[in-house]
Amino acid sequence: MALTTDRTTERSATRREERRVLAGTMVGTTIEWYDFFIYAQAAGLVLAGLYFAPLADDNAGLAQLIAWASLGISFLFRPLGAIVAGHLGDRLGRKAMLVLTLVIMGAATALIGLLPTFEQIGVWAPILLIVLRILQGFSAGGEWGGAALMSVEHAPVNKRGFFGAYPQIGVPTGLILATGVMLLVTSSMSEEAFLAWGWRIPFLVSVLLIVVGFVIRRSVDESPVFKEMQDRKKESAAPLRQLFTTHSRQVILTALIFIANNAAGYLLIAFFSSYATKPVEAGGLGMERSPVLLASTIAAVFWLASTMYGGMLSDRIGRIRTFQFGYVWLFIWAIPMFLLIDTGEIVWFTVALVVLASGLGFSYGPQAALYAEMFPAQVRYSGVSIGYALGAILGGAFAPLIAQLLLDETAWSPSIGIYIMVLATISFVAVSLVKETRGVPLGISQHD
């Protein structure tokens, strides 16, 4: 009887810890990506005129391109964040890096909300904006790997896809939160007030969110796989050297697997709302801002649902087949999506985004589990973080900028769809080169 009671108590404690882990990875990732998405949306809506004012006066199109470039430049520093956080995460633990990256991201976001404009401090305004974007990129580069591994390494072997989907749904949840806050702000004040000061509110809200995320992440125990490494003193003396010496193929594949999902995701996050709300004479569709932001929010809800389902599906049919299905979906929908968007009708605009978002989850939900299973424990944090960061550079970093250039050069939006189709083909081939990983051991014993 006592033994049964002890086992029940142990199972209850395990479930409580699992809930803390899932909450910690999801909430923290949601906050990180809320911060990132707020900037992406601000880049499409207001930053060109406020921080690149001389260009905006002379050439509004060029100023918008530079605003998109400021979104992309932070991606170039993601690998540095991934290298630093990955190295320290493999040596010192996943938990410490999760807390540190959250604080860095939150501080940079809040400071953007307080940053004077070009009109107030001149050229220092865009310089400081770029510096803060670099800090955001550095933080994001180290954030994802820690959250992914905390969830997957705590998971039962048959639920890694499900557990790994929790940090993934932090992305659409962050988008829902960011778009919702932006929608609330823009619909509650005049255009003049929004441009003057209202756009700062979503950045400053991040301070409250960071406090919540910090408390939750501090309560989560260290990953059991990292504890095993500590107990057995198997941490690598130079995990980065070991990673690139023996696992460079996996790093390249993880980067290529991610590029199509990340590019399409950043079009959903930032480009579509900017394209839809720009005046027709400036190359946009002239749609009203509030309905467009609402459509993006609705699409993010479908992205969240499909991401969770994609993670669970990968536990049943495998990571590779789930990814392949997602990239076939993306390939098929890429051009019809733009044909619907170009109608300029909010109903068809919403349908286009919802169908895209519903397919994205199949190549996003299983990602944490797949990547964790592709690397041995000693270099896992470094491997997944650097692969993810490189994929983000090749995929999403300049996707809105490339989309705008294609639109400007061709005056035919489906050309952007062709760009997405090419990336989907590359990612499909890359994931097809990976041997199915579902169920492989994640401890360190199999790599001895």
Protein backbone atom coordinates (compact mmCIF):
# COMPACT_ATOMS: atom_id res chain seq x y z
CA MET A 1 0.00 0.00 0.00
CA ALA A 2 2.79 2.37 0.94
CA LEU A 3 4.61 1.52 -2.30
CA THR A 4 1.48 2.32 -4.32
CA THR A 5 1.09 5.62 -2.48
CA ASP A 6 4.75 6.49 -3.14
CA ARG A 7 4.35 5.74 -6.84
CA THR A 8 1.19 7.85 -7.04
CA THR A 9 2.97 10.72 -5.28
CA GLU A 10 5.94 10.38 -7.62
CA ARG A 11 3.73 10.39 -10.73
CA SER A 12 1.87 13.42 -9.42
CA ALA A 13 5.15 15.27 -8.80
CA THR A 14 6.34 14.33 -12.30
CA ARG A 15 3.15 15.65 -13.88
CA ARG A 16 3.47 18.91 -11.92
CA GLU A 17 7.03 19.35 -13.12
CA GLU A 18 6.01 18.58 -16.70
CA ARG A 19 3.28 21.24 -16.50
CA ARG A 20 5.82 23.76 -15.17
CA VAL A 21 8.20 22.93 -18.01
CA LEU A 22 5.52 23.27 -20.68
CA ALA A 23 4.27 26.52 -19.17
CA GLY A 24 7.80 27.88 -18.81
CA THR A 25 8.84 27.09 -22.38
CA MET A 26 5.59 28.32 -23.92
CA VAL A 27 5.19 31.49 -21.85
CA GLY A 28 8.82 32.50 -22.20
CA THR A 29 8.87 31.85 -25.94
CA THR A 30 5.58 33.73 -26.32
CA ILE A 31 7.08 36.77 -24.64
CA GLU A 32 10.31 36.59 -26.64
CA TRP A 33 8.40 36.44 -29.91
CA TYR A 34 5.86 39.05 -28.87
CA ASP A 35 8.85 41.38 -28.57
CA PHE A 36 10.19 40.32 -31.94
CA PHE A 37 6.84 40.57 -33.74
CA ILE A 38 6.04 43.98 -32.31
CA TYR A 39 9.14 45.26 -34.06
CA ALA A 40 8.25 43.44 -37.29
CA GLN A 41 4.81 45.01 -37.37
CA ALA A 42 6.14 48.44 -36.41
CA ALA A 43 8.70 48.16 -39.24
CA GLY A 44 5.86 47.72 -41.70
CA LEU A 45 3.62 50.42 -40.21
CA VAL A 46 5.58 53.34 -38.72
CA LEU A 47 9.36 53.03 -38.38
CA ALA A 48 10.28 54.14 -41.91
CA GLY A 49 8.88 57.62 -41.34
CA LEU A 50 10.04 58.00 -37.73
CA TYR A 51 13.61 56.69 -37.84
CA PHE A 52 14.61 57.04 -41.49
CA ALA A 53 12.94 60.42 -41.96
CA PRO A 54 15.16 62.02 -44.65
CA LEU A 55 14.73 59.00 -46.91
CA ALA A 56 11.01 58.84 -46.16
CA ASP A 57 10.65 62.45 -47.30
CA ASP A 58 12.60 61.91 -50.53
CA ASN A 59 11.78 58.29 -51.35
CA ALA A 60 9.15 56.54 -49.23
CA GLY A 61 9.71 53.21 -51.01
CA LEU A 62 13.43 53.19 -50.24
CA ALA A 63 12.76 54.13 -46.61
CA GLN A 64 10.41 51.15 -46.31
CA LEU A 65 13.03 48.85 -47.80
CA ILE A 66 15.54 50.06 -45.20
CA ALA A 67 12.97 49.52 -42.45
CA TRP A 68 12.57 45.93 -43.66
CA ALA A 69 16.37 45.63 -43.74
CA SER A 70 16.48 46.75 -40.09
CA LEU A 71 14.16 43.84 -39.37
CA GLY A 72 16.51 41.46 -41.14
CA ILE A 73 19.81 42.72 -39.77
CA SER A 74 19.16 41.28 -36.33
CA PHE A 75 19.02 37.81 -37.88
CA LEU A 76 22.69 38.16 -38.77
CA PHE A 77 23.45 38.21 -35.04
CA ARG A 78 21.32 35.18 -34.23
CA PRO A 79 24.19 32.77 -34.91
CA LEU A 80 26.35 34.70 -32.43
CA GLY A 81 23.60 34.42 -29.82
CA ALA A 82 23.19 30.76 -30.70
CA ILE A 83 26.93 30.13 -30.39
CA VAL A 84 27.24 31.90 -27.03
CA ALA A 85 24.03 30.53 -25.52
CA GLY A 86 24.60 27.11 -27.07
CA HIS A 87 28.12 26.85 -25.72
CA LEU A 88 27.10 28.02 -22.25
CA GLY A 89 23.92 25.94 -22.38
CA ASP A 90 25.93 22.81 -23.11
CA ARG A 91 28.35 23.66 -20.30
CA LEU A 92 26.25 25.41 -17.63
CA GLY A 93 22.69 24.27 -18.30
CA ARG A 94 19.54 25.06 -20.28
CA LYS A 95 17.72 26.92 -17.50
CA ALA A 96 20.27 29.72 -16.99
CA MET A 97 20.27 30.56 -20.70
CA LEU A 98 16.46 30.66 -20.84
CA VAL A 99 16.33 33.29 -18.10
CA LEU A 100 19.21 35.34 -19.53
CA THR A 101 17.86 35.51 -23.10
CA LEU A 102 14.42 36.51 -21.81
CA VAL A 103 15.83 39.45 -19.86
CA ILE A 104 17.99 40.67 -22.76
CA MET A 105 15.09 40.56 -25.21
CA GLY A 106 12.73 42.35 -22.82
CA ALA A 107 15.19 45.12 -22.02
CA ALA A 108 15.92 45.79 -25.70
CA THR A 109 12.21 45.91 -26.55
CA ALA A 110 11.34 48.31 -23.73
CA LEU A 111 14.21 50.62 -24.76
CA ILE A 112 12.90 50.73 -28.35
CA GLY A 113 9.61 51.95 -26.86
CA LEU A 114 11.51 54.84 -25.22
CA LEU A 115 13.85 55.65 -28.11
CA PRO A 116 13.72 59.22 -29.47
CA THR A 117 12.98 59.61 -33.19
CA PHE A 118 15.14 61.04 -35.98
CA GLU A 119 13.42 64.39 -35.60
CA GLN A 120 14.50 64.50 -31.93
CA ILE A 121 18.11 63.24 -31.96
CA GLY A 122 19.02 62.98 -35.64
CA VAL A 123 21.21 60.18 -36.95
CA TRP A 124 21.61 58.65 -33.49
CA ALA A 125 17.99 57.49 -33.69
CA PRO A 126 18.49 54.88 -36.45
CA ILE A 127 21.91 53.92 -35.03
CA LEU A 128 20.48 53.17 -31.57
CA LEU A 129 17.50 51.42 -33.15
CA ILE A 130 19.84 49.07 -35.01
CA VAL A 131 21.87 48.41 -31.84
CA LEU A 132 18.73 47.40 -29.97
CA ARG A 133 17.67 45.23 -32.90
CA ILE A 134 21.04 43.49 -32.71
CA LEU A 135 20.42 42.75 -29.03
CA GLN A 136 17.02 41.32 -29.94
CA GLY A 137 18.61 39.11 -32.57
CA PHE A 138 21.33 37.95 -30.18
CA SER A 139 18.69 37.03 -27.62
CA ALA A 140 16.42 35.26 -30.12
CA GLY A 141 19.37 33.22 -31.35
CA GLY A 142 19.91 31.71 -27.93
CA GLU A 143 16.27 31.54 -26.84
CA TRP A 144 14.82 28.88 -29.08
CA GLY A 145 17.38 26.15 -28.48
CA GLY A 146 17.01 26.32 -24.72
CA ALA A 147 13.21 26.29 -24.80
CA ALA A 148 13.11 23.45 -27.32
CA LEU A 149 15.49 21.26 -25.33
CA MET A 150 13.85 21.94 -21.98
CA SER A 151 10.55 20.70 -23.38
CA VAL A 152 11.79 17.74 -25.43
CA GLU A 153 14.32 16.48 -22.88
CA HIS A 154 11.61 16.43 -20.18
CA ALA A 155 9.18 14.54 -22.45
CA PRO A 156 8.19 10.86 -22.40
CA VAL A 157 9.68 9.22 -25.49
CA ASN A 158 6.28 8.82 -27.18
CA LYS A 159 5.27 12.46 -26.57
CA ARG A 160 8.34 14.40 -27.68
CA GLY A 161 6.53 15.93 -30.64
CA PHE A 162 3.67 17.01 -28.39
CA PHE A 163 5.98 18.45 -25.70
CA GLY A 164 8.21 20.06 -28.33
CA ALA A 165 5.21 21.82 -29.86
CA TYR A 166 4.81 23.97 -26.74
CA PRO A 167 7.78 26.29 -27.36
CA GLN A 168 6.68 26.29 -31.02
CA ILE A 169 3.17 27.53 -30.24
CA GLY A 170 4.82 30.38 -28.38
CA VAL A 171 5.46 31.85 -31.84
CA PRO A 172 1.84 32.09 -33.06
CA THR A 173 0.78 32.96 -29.50
CA GLY A 174 3.30 35.80 -29.52
CA LEU A 175 1.93 36.87 -32.89
CA ILE A 176 -1.64 36.80 -31.56
CA LEU A 177 -0.57 38.86 -28.57
CA ALA A 178 1.48 41.33 -30.62
CA THR A 179 -1.16 41.77 -33.31
CA GLY A 180 -3.92 41.98 -30.72
CA VAL A 181 -2.13 44.70 -28.77
CA MET A 182 -1.33 46.59 -31.98
CA LEU A 183 -4.95 46.26 -33.10
CA LEU A 184 -6.21 47.54 -29.75
CA VAL A 185 -3.86 50.51 -29.84
CA THR A 186 -4.52 51.47 -33.47
CA SER A 187 -8.29 51.19 -33.14
CA SER A 188 -8.47 53.24 -29.94
CA MET A 189 -6.74 56.39 -31.18
CA SER A 190 -6.35 58.56 -34.23
CA GLU A 191 -3.70 57.96 -36.87
CA GLU A 192 -1.90 61.11 -35.71
CA ALA A 193 -1.80 59.97 -32.08
CA PHE A 194 -0.60 56.49 -33.09
CA LEU A 195 2.27 57.93 -35.13
CA ALA A 196 3.15 60.46 -32.42
CA TRP A 197 3.26 58.16 -29.39
CA GLY A 198 0.74 55.31 -29.52
CA TRP A 199 3.07 52.93 -31.39
CA ARG A 200 5.33 52.92 -28.30
CA ILE A 201 2.71 51.30 -26.04
CA PRO A 202 3.12 47.71 -27.37
CA PHE A 203 6.90 47.93 -26.79
CA LEU A 204 6.47 49.14 -23.21
CA VAL A 205 3.91 46.42 -22.42
CA SER A 206 6.83 44.01 -22.74
CA VAL A 207 8.09 45.06 -19.30
CA LEU A 208 5.07 43.49 -17.59
CA LEU A 209 5.33 40.35 -19.68
CA ILE A 210 9.02 39.90 -18.87
CA VAL A 211 8.30 39.90 -15.12
CA VAL A 212 5.73 37.12 -15.60
CA GLY A 213 8.06 35.08 -17.81
CA PHE A 214 11.02 35.51 -15.46
CA VAL A 215 9.06 34.18 -12.49
CA ILE A 216 7.76 31.17 -14.42
CA ARG A 217 11.10 30.23 -15.96
CA ARG A 218 12.91 30.48 -12.64
CA SER A 219 10.54 27.84 -11.24
CA VAL A 220 11.43 25.20 -13.85
CA ASP A 221 13.95 22.47 -12.97
CA GLU A 222 17.03 21.89 -15.09
CA SER A 223 16.75 19.44 -18.01
CA PRO A 224 17.15 15.79 -16.88
CA VAL A 225 19.53 15.10 -19.78
CA PHE A 226 21.80 17.94 -18.68
CA LYS A 227 21.64 16.64 -15.11
CA GLU A 228 22.71 13.24 -16.41
CA MET A 229 25.63 14.86 -18.19
CA GLN A 230 26.66 16.61 -14.97
CA ASP A 231 26.28 13.48 -12.88
CA ARG A 232 28.42 11.48 -15.24
CA LYS A 233 30.80 14.40 -15.93
CA LYS A 234 30.40 13.94 -19.64
CA GLU A 235 30.12 17.58 -20.68
CA SER A 236 32.42 18.31 -23.57
CA ALA A 237 35.50 20.41 -22.98
CA ALA A 238 34.84 22.15 -26.30
CA PRO A 239 31.31 21.40 -27.50
CA LEU A 240 31.50 23.87 -30.41
CA ARG A 241 34.67 22.28 -31.80
CA GLN A 242 33.09 18.84 -31.42
CA LEU A 243 29.89 20.06 -33.08
CA PHE A 244 31.56 21.35 -36.26
CA THR A 245 34.06 18.51 -36.43
CA THR A 246 31.59 15.66 -36.28
CA HIS A 247 28.09 17.07 -36.85
CA SER A 248 28.43 19.77 -39.54
CA ARG A 249 26.08 17.84 -41.88
CA GLN A 250 23.30 17.93 -39.28
CA VAL A 251 23.81 21.68 -38.76
CA ILE A 252 23.50 22.35 -42.50
CA LEU A 253 20.42 20.16 -42.81
CA THR A 254 18.67 21.78 -39.85
CA ALA A 255 19.27 25.20 -41.45
CA LEU A 256 17.89 24.14 -44.84
CA ILE A 257 14.91 22.35 -43.31
CA PHE A 258 13.82 25.60 -41.65
CA ILE A 259 14.19 28.18 -44.44
CA ALA A 260 10.82 27.77 -46.18
CA ASN A 261 8.79 27.75 -42.98
CA ASN A 262 10.63 30.77 -41.63
CA ALA A 263 10.30 32.79 -44.84
CA ALA A 264 6.57 32.10 -45.16
CA GLY A 265 6.12 32.79 -41.45
CA TYR A 266 7.71 36.21 -41.71
CA LEU A 267 5.53 37.12 -44.66
CA LEU A 268 2.56 36.27 -42.45
CA ILE A 269 4.03 38.15 -39.50
CA ALA A 270 5.07 41.36 -41.21
CA PHE A 271 4.80 41.66 -44.99
CA PHE A 272 1.14 40.93 -45.67
CA SER A 273 -0.20 43.59 -43.31
CA SER A 274 2.16 46.21 -44.74
CA TYR A 275 1.33 45.29 -48.35
CA ALA A 276 -2.40 45.28 -47.67
CA THR A 277 -2.56 48.63 -45.87
CA LYS A 278 -0.25 50.67 -48.10
CA PRO A 279 -2.01 53.17 -50.40
CA VAL A 280 -2.61 51.91 -53.94
CA GLU A 281 -0.41 54.66 -55.37
CA ALA A 282 2.46 53.36 -53.20
CA GLY A 283 2.10 49.83 -54.54
CA GLY A 284 -0.22 48.46 -51.85
CA LEU A 285 -3.86 47.41 -51.74
CA GLY A 286 -5.25 50.37 -49.77
CA MET A 287 -7.07 48.23 -47.22
CA GLU A 288 -8.03 49.47 -43.74
CA ARG A 289 -5.50 48.69 -41.01
CA SER A 290 -7.77 47.35 -38.26
CA PRO A 291 -9.49 44.61 -40.35
CA VAL A 292 -6.10 43.56 -41.75
CA LEU A 293 -4.62 43.20 -38.25
CA LEU A 294 -7.69 41.26 -37.17
CA ALA A 295 -7.21 38.91 -40.15
CA SER A 296 -3.59 38.35 -39.10
CA THR A 297 -4.74 37.56 -35.56
CA ILE A 298 -7.29 35.02 -36.82
CA ALA A 299 -4.60 33.40 -39.00
CA ALA A 300 -2.29 33.16 -35.98
CA VAL A 301 -4.96 31.19 -34.09
CA PHE A 302 -5.00 28.64 -36.92
CA TRP A 303 -1.18 28.61 -36.92
CA LEU A 304 -1.23 27.81 -33.21
CA ALA A 305 -3.71 24.94 -33.68
CA SER A 306 -1.87 23.44 -36.63
CA THR A 307 1.47 23.69 -34.81
CA MET A 308 0.15 21.74 -31.85
CA TYR A 309 -1.48 19.19 -34.15
CA GLY A 310 1.71 18.92 -36.23
CA GLY A 311 3.73 18.08 -33.12
CA MET A 312 1.23 15.41 -32.04
CA LEU A 313 0.96 14.00 -35.56
CA SER A 314 4.73 13.55 -35.71
CA ASP A 315 4.51 11.30 -32.64
CA ARG A 316 2.23 9.00 -34.66
CA ILE A 317 3.51 9.07 -38.25
CA GLY A 318 7.06 10.38 -37.76
CA ARG A 319 8.81 13.74 -37.97
CA ILE A 320 9.89 13.44 -41.61
CA ARG A 321 6.48 12.61 -43.09
CA THR A 322 4.87 15.42 -41.12
CA PHE A 323 7.42 17.94 -42.39
CA GLN A 324 7.02 16.70 -45.96
CA PHE A 325 3.26 17.13 -45.80
CA GLY A 326 3.71 20.69 -44.54
CA TYR A 327 6.05 21.67 -47.36
CA VAL A 328 3.80 20.16 -50.03
CA TRP A 329 0.97 22.25 -48.56
CA LEU A 330 3.11 25.40 -48.68
CA PHE A 331 4.22 24.71 -52.28
CA ILE A 332 0.67 24.19 -53.54
CA TRP A 333 -0.78 27.26 -51.77
CA ALA A 334 1.98 29.78 -52.54
CA ILE A 335 0.50 31.26 -55.75
CA PRO A 336 -3.26 30.88 -55.08
CA MET A 337 -2.66 32.72 -51.81
CA PHE A 338 -1.48 35.86 -53.60
CA LEU A 339 -4.30 35.71 -56.12
CA LEU A 340 -6.75 35.88 -53.21
CA ILE A 341 -4.81 38.62 -51.41
CA ASP A 342 -4.78 40.79 -54.53
CA THR A 343 -8.57 40.92 -54.62
CA GLY A 344 -8.27 43.53 -51.88
CA GLU A 345 -11.32 41.99 -50.19
CA ILE A 346 -10.89 41.40 -46.46
CA VAL A 347 -12.76 38.05 -46.58
CA TRP A 348 -10.46 36.60 -49.24
CA PHE A 349 -7.43 38.18 -47.58
CA THR A 350 -8.37 36.37 -44.36
CA VAL A 351 -8.90 33.05 -46.18
CA ALA A 352 -5.50 33.35 -47.84
CA LEU A 353 -3.73 33.88 -44.52
CA VAL A 354 -5.73 31.22 -42.65
CA VAL A 355 -4.95 28.50 -45.21
CA LEU A 356 -1.25 29.44 -45.14
CA ALA A 357 -1.19 29.43 -41.35
CA SER A 358 -3.01 26.09 -41.19
CA GLY A 359 -0.23 24.48 -43.24
CA LEU A 360 2.71 26.11 -41.47
CA GLY A 361 2.21 24.07 -38.30
CA PHE A 362 3.11 20.78 -40.00
CA SER A 363 6.63 22.05 -40.69
CA TYR A 364 6.88 23.84 -37.33
CA GLY A 365 5.21 21.71 -34.66
CA PRO A 366 7.66 18.76 -35.00
CA GLN A 367 10.76 20.97 -35.31
CA ALA A 368 11.91 20.92 -31.68
CA ALA A 369 11.63 17.14 -31.45
CA LEU A 370 13.32 16.53 -34.80
CA TYR A 371 16.24 18.84 -34.08
CA ALA A 372 16.80 17.51 -30.56
CA GLU A 373 16.83 13.95 -31.89
CA MET A 374 19.37 14.82 -34.59
CA PHE A 375 22.17 15.75 -32.14
CA PRO A 376 23.91 13.98 -29.24
CA ALA A 377 23.42 15.46 -25.78
CA GLN A 378 26.89 16.98 -25.45
CA VAL A 379 26.45 19.33 -28.40
CA ARG A 380 22.66 19.41 -28.65
CA TYR A 381 22.08 22.98 -27.43
CA SER A 382 24.76 24.32 -29.76
CA GLY A 383 23.59 22.20 -32.70
CA VAL A 384 19.90 23.04 -32.59
CA SER A 385 20.51 26.73 -31.80
CA ILE A 386 23.04 27.33 -34.56
CA GLY A 387 21.09 25.34 -37.14
CA TYR A 388 17.93 27.24 -36.26
CA ALA A 389 19.72 30.59 -36.41
CA LEU A 390 21.32 29.88 -39.80
CA GLY A 391 17.96 28.75 -41.16
CA ALA A 392 16.42 31.99 -39.95
CA ILE A 393 19.07 34.01 -41.80
CA LEU A 394 18.60 32.05 -45.05
CA GLY A 395 14.81 32.01 -44.69
CA GLY A 396 13.08 34.77 -42.76
CA ALA A 397 15.76 37.41 -42.20
CA PHE A 398 15.19 39.26 -45.43
CA ALA A 399 12.02 37.58 -46.68
CA PRO A 400 9.90 40.79 -46.36
CA LEU A 401 12.69 42.75 -48.09
CA ILE A 402 12.96 40.18 -50.91
CA ALA A 403 9.19 40.12 -51.23
CA GLN A 404 9.09 43.91 -51.55
CA LEU A 405 11.89 43.90 -54.14
CA LEU A 406 10.11 41.22 -56.17
CA LEU A 407 6.89 43.20 -56.02
CA ASP A 408 8.63 46.42 -57.05
CA GLU A 409 10.47 44.77 -59.95
CA THR A 410 7.68 42.60 -61.35
CA ALA A 411 4.51 44.43 -60.21
CA TRP A 412 3.11 40.89 -59.93
CA SER A 413 2.66 39.57 -56.39
CA PRO A 414 2.60 35.85 -57.35
CA SER A 415 6.33 36.25 -58.07
CA ILE A 416 6.67 36.18 -54.28
CA GLY A 417 4.75 32.90 -54.35
CA ILE A 418 7.33 31.46 -56.77
CA TYR A 419 10.06 32.50 -54.33
CA ILE A 420 8.26 30.59 -51.55
CA MET A 421 7.83 27.56 -53.83
CA VAL A 422 11.59 27.44 -54.45
CA LEU A 423 12.32 27.57 -50.72
CA ALA A 424 9.66 24.90 -50.02
CA THR A 425 11.36 22.61 -52.53
CA ILE A 426 14.76 23.10 -50.88
CA SER A 427 13.37 22.42 -47.40
CA PHE A 428 11.44 19.37 -48.62
CA VAL A 429 14.60 17.85 -50.11
CA ALA A 430 16.63 18.66 -46.97
CA VAL A 431 14.19 17.01 -44.56
CA SER A 432 13.93 14.00 -46.89
CA LEU A 433 17.69 13.46 -46.48
CA VAL A 434 17.25 12.91 -42.72
CA LYS A 435 16.67 9.39 -41.44
CA GLU A 436 13.54 9.21 -39.29
CA THR A 437 14.45 10.18 -35.71
CA ARG A 438 11.25 9.44 -33.81
CA GLY A 439 12.00 7.44 -30.66
CA VAL A 440 15.81 7.64 -30.69
CA PRO A 441 17.35 7.83 -27.17
CA LEU A 442 18.11 11.36 -25.99
CA GLY A 443 20.38 10.50 -23.05
CA ILE A 444 24.13 10.43 -23.35
CA SER A 445 24.66 6.67 -23.12
CA GLN A 446 24.03 6.02 -26.82
CA HIS A 447 26.77 8.47 -27.78
CA ASP A 448 29.49 7.06 -25.56
